[in-house]
Amino acid sequence: MSGGVDSSAAALILKEQGHDVIGISMSIWDGSDKIAAADAKHSCYGPDEKTNIAETKKVCESIGIPFFILDCSKEYKKNVIEYFKNEYLSARTPNPCIVCNYKIKFEALIKNAESSGLRFDKFATGHYAKTEYDSHSKRYLLKKALDKNKDQSYFLYRLSQDQLSMIMFPLGYLTKDEVRAYAREKGLHTLLKEESQDFFGGNYRSLLGMEDREGDIVLITGEVIGRHKGLWNYTPGQRRGMGIGYPEPLYVIRLDSITNRVIAGTRKDITFSEFIVNDLNWISTAEPEQSFTASVKIRSSQNEYSAGVKILDNEEACITLEESGAAISPGQSAVFYSGDIVIGGGIINRVL
């Protein structure tokens, strides 16, 4: 539980359905990173954690369920923060929320709860997604939520069959408006709390602990058009914040960690139709066909693209979009769908 309206509503829904419910929050902030309070405002990671946990405790008291705090800071530091830093310093675009879900929320938190003596049959969260068991394939499926605008299946695609087998998503069949109306009816004070937090709310420089490292901003022709203060300030596909006057809007095409350069170009330069994905995780099938078609999402906030997926011999997959136009960011995830069902996905490694 985070103290927000979604996890609070999920807990109360389960209690009213007759389940014996306990609330747990994870502590992930150990204070070792020197982050200004302003940088960490309304973020998951930072000194605001104590306030969030105190609010969550009040929620649990108001709905009448026990509340426990479990320390996951060591696991979070190792699996999320170090991953985040390494990816950014390698000029890749990380997605810490995906790693946090399958490594911390649905793994470390559960293990720590069990080792602390807590006993439970199911683990529920306020995510907008669905799970169900498919008797034909004998596999647990991950599916999109009813509310497609709030669907969070993209962030959950790395969950294993063991994890999916014990998960409940009470909000999967509700819209956000229905959840807010329910919270209002039940008098949950979390209704007024700001929308779900980001991983980190401030300038990434303070989290990375890096001094400015200036370098050139160049066009794909090699022409130098400006200077930057660190590659970690940019991500492929980015348009705003470059601070360079040019006849056409400029976008970040890619980041070169070897030469410390930001490569920029116009809209036509950022559109790709083919890329390679590795570190694959399959949900709806244990052994996918060597070639299949799917809807592919390459960022959580973007629409899906119709694509062909071809499994390669080296356990990678080649994704070919039917229409070019996507800004591909190595380090981000590509998730494959068949309708509402998550087939699987992996990490974008490179464009072709």
Protein backbone atom coordinates (compact mmCIF):
# COMPACT_ATOMS: atom_id res chain seq x y z
CA MET A 1 0.00 0.00 0.00
CA SER A 2 1.24 3.47 -0.91
CA GLY A 3 -1.39 5.58 0.81
CA GLY A 4 -2.87 6.59 -2.55
CA VAL A 5 -6.48 6.21 -3.60
CA ASP A 6 -5.86 3.10 -5.76
CA SER A 7 -4.18 0.85 -3.18
CA SER A 8 -6.50 2.15 -0.44
CA ALA A 9 -9.59 1.37 -2.51
CA ALA A 10 -8.21 -2.06 -3.44
CA ALA A 11 -7.72 -2.96 0.22
CA LEU A 12 -11.22 -1.85 1.21
CA ILE A 13 -12.82 -3.62 -1.75
CA LEU A 14 -11.18 -6.89 -0.70
CA LYS A 15 -12.24 -6.44 2.90
CA GLU A 16 -15.85 -5.80 1.88
CA GLN A 17 -15.73 -8.94 -0.27
CA GLY A 18 -15.04 -10.90 2.92
CA HIS A 19 -11.29 -11.39 2.68
CA ASP A 20 -9.04 -11.19 5.72
CA VAL A 21 -6.84 -8.26 4.69
CA ILE A 22 -3.59 -6.85 6.03
CA GLY A 23 -1.78 -3.81 4.64
CA ILE A 24 1.94 -3.69 3.99
CA SER A 25 4.22 -0.91 2.78
CA MET A 26 7.83 -1.22 1.75
CA SER A 27 10.55 1.10 2.97
CA ILE A 28 13.05 1.70 0.13
CA TRP A 29 14.74 4.95 1.19
CA ASP A 30 17.91 4.48 3.29
CA GLY A 31 19.05 8.10 3.14
CA SER A 32 22.39 7.32 1.54
CA ASP A 33 21.75 9.31 -1.65
CA LYS A 34 22.09 13.04 -1.08
CA ILE A 35 18.81 14.17 -2.59
CA ALA A 36 17.27 17.55 -1.92
CA ALA A 37 13.74 17.43 -0.56
CA ALA A 38 12.52 19.49 -3.50
CA ASP A 39 13.95 16.93 -5.94
CA ALA A 40 12.17 14.06 -4.22
CA LYS A 41 8.75 15.69 -3.85
CA HIS A 42 5.91 13.31 -4.76
CA SER A 43 8.36 10.58 -5.79
CA CYS A 44 8.62 6.96 -4.70
CA TYR A 45 12.31 7.23 -3.83
CA GLY A 46 13.36 9.95 -1.41
CA PRO A 47 12.91 11.49 2.04
CA ASP A 48 9.15 11.93 1.48
CA GLU A 49 8.81 8.23 2.28
CA LYS A 50 8.15 8.77 6.00
CA THR A 51 5.19 11.02 5.22
CA ASN A 52 3.78 8.51 2.72
CA ILE A 53 4.08 5.63 5.20
CA ALA A 54 2.40 7.69 7.95
CA GLU A 55 -0.49 8.43 5.58
CA THR A 56 -0.77 4.74 4.69
CA LYS A 57 -0.93 3.81 8.38
CA LYS A 58 -3.86 6.21 8.82
CA VAL A 59 -5.66 4.62 5.87
CA CYS A 60 -5.28 1.14 7.34
CA GLU A 61 -6.56 2.37 10.70
CA SER A 62 -9.57 4.00 9.04
CA ILE A 63 -10.60 0.84 7.18
CA GLY A 64 -9.74 -1.41 10.12
CA ILE A 65 -6.89 -3.61 8.91
CA PRO A 66 -3.47 -4.33 10.45
CA PHE A 67 -0.50 -2.47 8.96
CA PHE A 68 3.14 -3.52 8.61
CA ILE A 69 6.24 -1.79 7.25
CA LEU A 70 8.89 -3.97 5.61
CA ASP A 71 12.42 -2.81 4.85
CA CYS A 72 13.31 -3.44 1.21
CA SER A 73 15.93 -0.68 0.95
CA LYS A 74 18.91 -2.99 0.35
CA GLU A 75 17.14 -4.87 -2.43
CA TYR A 76 15.90 -1.61 -3.94
CA LYS A 77 19.36 -0.07 -3.91
CA LYS A 78 20.89 -3.13 -5.57
CA ASN A 79 18.21 -3.90 -8.15
CA VAL A 80 16.67 -0.53 -9.01
CA ILE A 81 19.01 2.35 -8.14
CA GLU A 82 22.19 0.69 -9.42
CA TYR A 83 20.37 -0.46 -12.56
CA PHE A 84 19.06 3.07 -13.11
CA LYS A 85 22.50 4.63 -12.72
CA ASN A 86 24.25 2.07 -14.93
CA GLU A 87 21.73 2.45 -17.73
CA TYR A 88 21.86 6.23 -17.76
CA LEU A 89 25.65 6.31 -17.64
CA SER A 90 25.65 3.87 -20.59
CA ALA A 91 23.46 6.33 -22.54
CA ARG A 92 20.44 4.04 -22.38
CA THR A 93 16.93 4.90 -21.17
CA PRO A 94 16.00 2.84 -18.10
CA ASN A 95 12.52 2.02 -16.85
CA PRO A 96 12.92 1.64 -13.07
CA CYS A 97 9.19 1.09 -12.48
CA ILE A 98 9.26 -2.15 -14.46
CA VAL A 99 12.30 -3.42 -12.54
CA CYS A 100 10.77 -2.37 -9.24
CA ASN A 101 7.59 -4.32 -9.95
CA TYR A 102 9.13 -7.70 -10.65
CA LYS A 103 12.22 -7.43 -8.45
CA ILE A 104 10.90 -5.52 -5.45
CA LYS A 105 7.10 -5.25 -5.12
CA PHE A 106 6.32 -8.76 -6.33
CA GLU A 107 9.53 -10.46 -5.14
CA ALA A 108 11.54 -8.84 -2.35
CA LEU A 109 8.49 -7.46 -0.56
CA ILE A 110 6.72 -10.82 -0.64
CA LYS A 111 9.82 -12.70 0.53
CA ASN A 112 10.40 -10.21 3.35
CA ALA A 113 6.77 -10.48 4.41
CA GLU A 114 6.99 -14.27 4.56
CA SER A 115 10.32 -14.25 6.41
CA SER A 116 8.89 -11.81 8.98
CA GLY A 117 6.19 -14.34 9.85
CA LEU A 118 3.27 -12.88 7.90
CA ARG A 119 1.10 -15.55 6.30
CA PHE A 120 -1.14 -14.91 3.30
CA ASP A 121 -2.68 -16.75 0.36
CA LYS A 122 -2.78 -13.89 -2.16
CA PHE A 123 -0.90 -10.65 -2.74
CA ALA A 124 -3.00 -7.71 -3.99
CA THR A 125 -2.09 -4.26 -5.27
CA GLY A 126 -3.88 -1.26 -6.72
CA HIS A 127 -2.51 -1.77 -10.23
CA TYR A 128 -4.90 -1.45 -13.17
CA ALA A 129 -4.51 -4.84 -14.85
CA LYS A 130 -6.12 -8.30 -14.87
CA THR A 131 -4.92 -11.83 -14.31
CA GLU A 132 -6.65 -15.10 -15.10
CA TYR A 133 -5.78 -18.77 -15.43
CA ASP A 134 -6.06 -20.29 -18.90
CA SER A 135 -6.95 -23.98 -18.54
CA HIS A 136 -6.05 -24.68 -22.17
CA SER A 137 -2.45 -23.46 -21.99
CA LYS A 138 -2.23 -24.13 -18.23
CA ARG A 139 -0.69 -20.71 -17.79
CA TYR A 140 -1.57 -17.60 -15.85
CA LEU A 141 -2.33 -14.69 -18.15
CA LEU A 142 -1.74 -10.99 -17.72
CA LYS A 143 -4.36 -8.82 -19.42
CA LYS A 144 -5.12 -5.16 -19.91
CA ALA A 145 -7.38 -3.42 -17.42
CA LEU A 146 -10.94 -2.43 -18.27
CA ASP A 147 -9.85 1.23 -18.13
CA LYS A 148 -7.46 1.40 -21.09
CA ASN A 149 -6.38 4.92 -20.15
CA LYS A 150 -5.09 3.66 -16.80
CA ASP A 151 -3.91 0.21 -17.89
CA GLN A 152 -0.58 -0.73 -16.28
CA SER A 153 0.05 -4.11 -17.90
CA TYR A 154 3.08 -2.61 -19.70
CA PHE A 155 4.81 -2.17 -16.33
CA LEU A 156 4.01 -5.75 -15.27
CA TYR A 157 5.14 -7.75 -18.30
CA ARG A 158 8.22 -9.19 -16.58
CA LEU A 159 6.23 -11.03 -13.91
CA SER A 160 6.75 -14.79 -13.77
CA GLN A 161 4.15 -17.54 -13.69
CA ASP A 162 4.81 -18.05 -9.97
CA GLN A 163 4.23 -14.36 -9.31
CA LEU A 164 1.08 -14.17 -11.42
CA SER A 165 -0.35 -17.25 -9.70
CA MET A 166 -0.66 -15.43 -6.36
CA ILE A 167 -1.56 -11.91 -7.50
CA MET A 168 -4.92 -10.14 -7.29
CA PHE A 169 -5.73 -6.84 -9.02
CA PRO A 170 -9.09 -5.69 -7.57
CA LEU A 171 -9.15 -2.57 -9.77
CA GLY A 172 -8.69 -4.40 -13.07
CA TYR A 173 -12.42 -4.39 -13.82
CA LEU A 174 -13.05 -0.80 -12.71
CA THR A 175 -12.47 2.59 -14.29
CA LYS A 176 -10.53 5.29 -12.49
CA ASP A 177 -13.73 7.33 -12.22
CA GLU A 178 -15.45 4.38 -10.54
CA VAL A 179 -12.57 3.99 -8.09
CA ARG A 180 -12.72 7.69 -7.22
CA ALA A 181 -16.49 7.50 -6.77
CA TYR A 182 -16.07 4.45 -4.51
CA ALA A 183 -13.41 6.23 -2.43
CA ARG A 184 -15.68 9.27 -2.13
CA GLU A 185 -18.63 7.10 -1.04
CA LYS A 186 -16.52 5.33 1.59
CA GLY A 187 -14.92 8.52 2.86
CA LEU A 188 -11.35 7.57 2.05
CA HIS A 189 -9.28 10.71 2.66
CA THR A 190 -6.73 9.52 0.10
CA LEU A 191 -9.16 10.71 -2.58
CA LEU A 192 -7.52 14.14 -2.29
CA LYS A 193 -3.96 12.87 -2.53
CA GLU A 194 -2.06 13.71 -5.71
CA GLU A 195 -1.99 11.16 -8.52
CA SER A 196 0.41 8.22 -8.34
CA GLN A 197 4.04 9.11 -7.81
CA ASP A 198 6.89 8.95 -10.26
CA PHE A 199 10.01 6.97 -9.50
CA PHE A 200 11.94 10.20 -8.90
CA GLY A 201 10.61 13.73 -9.14
CA GLY A 202 13.72 15.86 -9.50
CA ASN A 203 16.80 16.39 -11.63
CA TYR A 204 18.46 13.04 -12.30
CA ARG A 205 21.87 14.62 -11.74
CA SER A 206 21.32 14.66 -7.98
CA LEU A 207 20.39 10.97 -8.00
CA LEU A 208 23.25 9.95 -10.29
CA GLY A 209 25.74 11.87 -8.15
CA MET A 210 27.52 13.13 -11.26
CA GLU A 211 29.30 16.37 -11.97
CA ASP A 212 28.58 18.14 -15.26
CA ARG A 213 30.28 16.42 -18.19
CA GLU A 214 30.04 18.73 -21.13
CA GLY A 215 30.03 17.50 -24.69
CA ASP A 216 28.86 18.34 -28.19
CA ILE A 217 25.35 18.23 -29.59
CA VAL A 218 25.73 17.29 -33.25
CA LEU A 219 23.52 16.65 -36.24
CA ILE A 220 23.62 13.21 -37.83
CA THR A 221 25.94 14.79 -40.44
CA GLY A 222 28.48 15.46 -37.68
CA GLU A 223 27.95 19.23 -37.63
CA VAL A 224 28.31 20.62 -34.10
CA ILE A 225 25.28 22.76 -33.22
CA GLY A 226 25.56 23.12 -29.46
CA ARG A 227 26.83 21.85 -26.12
CA HIS A 228 25.31 19.71 -23.39
CA LYS A 229 26.14 19.26 -19.69
CA GLY A 230 25.63 15.51 -19.45
CA LEU A 231 24.07 12.72 -21.51
CA TRP A 232 21.79 11.83 -18.60
CA ASN A 233 19.78 14.98 -19.33
CA TYR A 234 18.54 13.51 -22.63
CA THR A 235 16.61 10.55 -23.95
CA PRO A 236 16.05 9.39 -27.56
CA GLY A 237 12.94 10.95 -29.06
CA GLN A 238 13.12 13.97 -26.77
CA ARG A 239 12.14 17.25 -28.39
CA ARG A 240 11.89 19.85 -25.65
CA GLY A 241 14.77 21.20 -23.60
CA MET A 242 17.54 21.18 -26.19
CA GLY A 243 17.84 24.96 -26.22
CA ILE A 244 19.04 25.18 -29.81
CA GLY A 245 17.61 27.44 -32.49
CA TYR A 246 17.08 25.56 -35.75
CA PRO A 247 14.79 25.99 -38.81
CA GLU A 248 12.98 22.74 -37.93
CA PRO A 249 12.13 21.13 -34.56
CA LEU A 250 15.06 19.02 -33.35
CA TYR A 251 14.84 15.64 -31.64
CA VAL A 252 17.38 13.51 -29.83
CA ILE A 253 18.24 10.65 -32.18
CA ARG A 254 20.68 8.75 -29.98
CA LEU A 255 23.27 9.18 -27.26
CA ASP A 256 26.91 8.20 -27.77
CA SER A 257 28.54 7.40 -24.42
CA ILE A 258 31.95 6.79 -26.07
CA THR A 259 32.26 10.23 -27.68
CA ASN A 260 29.99 11.92 -25.08
CA ARG A 261 27.83 13.31 -27.87
CA VAL A 262 24.11 13.94 -28.25
CA ILE A 263 23.11 13.18 -31.85
CA ALA A 264 20.15 15.28 -32.99
CA GLY A 265 18.00 15.41 -36.09
CA THR A 266 14.62 16.35 -37.48
CA ARG A 267 11.41 14.33 -37.31
CA LYS A 268 12.31 12.23 -40.35
CA ASP A 269 15.53 11.16 -38.63
CA ILE A 270 13.90 9.65 -35.54
CA THR A 271 11.44 7.35 -37.26
CA PHE A 272 12.48 3.71 -37.17
CA SER A 273 10.63 0.58 -38.18
CA GLU A 274 12.95 -2.24 -37.09
CA PHE A 275 14.76 -2.96 -33.85
CA ILE A 276 16.18 -5.76 -31.71
CA VAL A 277 14.84 -6.81 -28.30
CA ASN A 278 16.66 -9.04 -25.81
CA ASP A 279 16.19 -10.29 -22.23
CA LEU A 280 12.79 -11.68 -23.23
CA ASN A 281 10.05 -12.76 -20.84
CA TRP A 282 7.04 -14.76 -22.07
CA ILE A 283 3.70 -14.88 -20.26
CA SER A 284 0.91 -16.27 -22.43
CA THR A 285 3.15 -18.97 -23.87
CA ALA A 286 6.28 -20.79 -22.77
CA GLU A 287 7.50 -21.30 -26.33
CA PRO A 288 6.35 -18.66 -28.82
CA GLU A 289 6.23 -19.37 -32.52
CA GLN A 290 9.37 -18.35 -34.37
CA SER A 291 7.43 -15.63 -36.20
CA PHE A 292 4.13 -14.03 -35.25
CA THR A 293 2.26 -10.74 -35.49
CA ALA A 294 1.37 -8.65 -32.48
CA SER A 295 0.58 -5.18 -31.24
CA VAL A 296 3.74 -3.72 -29.74
CA LYS A 297 3.99 -0.94 -27.19
CA ILE A 298 7.43 0.69 -26.87
CA ARG A 299 6.57 3.27 -24.21
CA SER A 300 3.89 3.16 -21.55
CA SER A 301 2.29 6.41 -22.71
CA GLN A 302 2.30 5.67 -26.45
CA ASN A 303 -0.14 3.82 -28.64
CA GLU A 304 0.61 0.33 -29.87
CA TYR A 305 2.10 -0.43 -33.27
CA SER A 306 1.15 -3.39 -35.47
CA ALA A 307 4.32 -5.42 -35.94
CA GLY A 308 5.93 -8.67 -36.92
CA VAL A 309 8.00 -10.44 -34.28
CA LYS A 310 10.73 -12.90 -35.28
CA ILE A 311 12.58 -14.94 -32.67
CA LEU A 312 16.31 -15.14 -33.40
CA ASP A 313 18.73 -17.96 -32.57
CA ASN A 314 20.55 -15.91 -29.92
CA GLU A 315 17.41 -15.50 -27.78
CA GLU A 316 16.71 -12.06 -29.17
CA ALA A 317 13.72 -10.93 -31.22
CA CYS A 318 13.59 -8.71 -34.29
CA ILE A 319 10.59 -6.37 -34.29
CA THR A 320 9.40 -4.94 -37.62
CA LEU A 321 6.73 -2.25 -37.38
CA GLU A 322 4.19 -2.11 -40.20
CA GLU A 323 4.58 1.66 -40.27
CA SER A 324 7.69 3.63 -39.35
CA GLY A 325 7.31 6.57 -37.04
CA ALA A 326 8.45 5.33 -33.66
CA ALA A 327 11.23 6.94 -31.66
CA ILE A 328 13.06 3.89 -30.33
CA SER A 329 14.98 4.20 -27.04
CA PRO A 330 17.47 1.42 -26.20
CA GLY A 331 16.93 0.41 -22.58
CA GLN A 332 13.17 0.86 -22.73
CA SER A 333 10.83 -2.13 -22.95
CA ALA A 334 8.84 -3.43 -25.90
CA VAL A 335 5.73 -5.34 -24.83
CA PHE A 336 3.79 -7.62 -27.20
CA TYR A 337 0.01 -7.92 -27.07
CA SER A 338 -2.63 -10.09 -28.69
CA GLY A 339 -5.75 -8.06 -28.09
CA ASP A 340 -5.91 -7.57 -24.33
CA ILE A 341 -3.49 -10.40 -23.56
CA VAL A 342 0.18 -9.74 -22.82
CA ILE A 343 2.21 -12.21 -24.88
CA GLY A 344 5.51 -11.09 -23.38
CA GLY A 345 8.23 -8.57 -24.04
CA GLY A 346 11.85 -7.60 -23.62
CA ILE A 347 14.41 -4.81 -23.47
CA ILE A 348 15.09 -2.75 -26.59
CA ASN A 349 18.75 -3.31 -27.40
CA ARG A 350 19.38 -1.52 -30.70
CA VAL A 351 17.73 -0.15 -33.82
CA LEU A 352 18.41 -1.49 -37.31
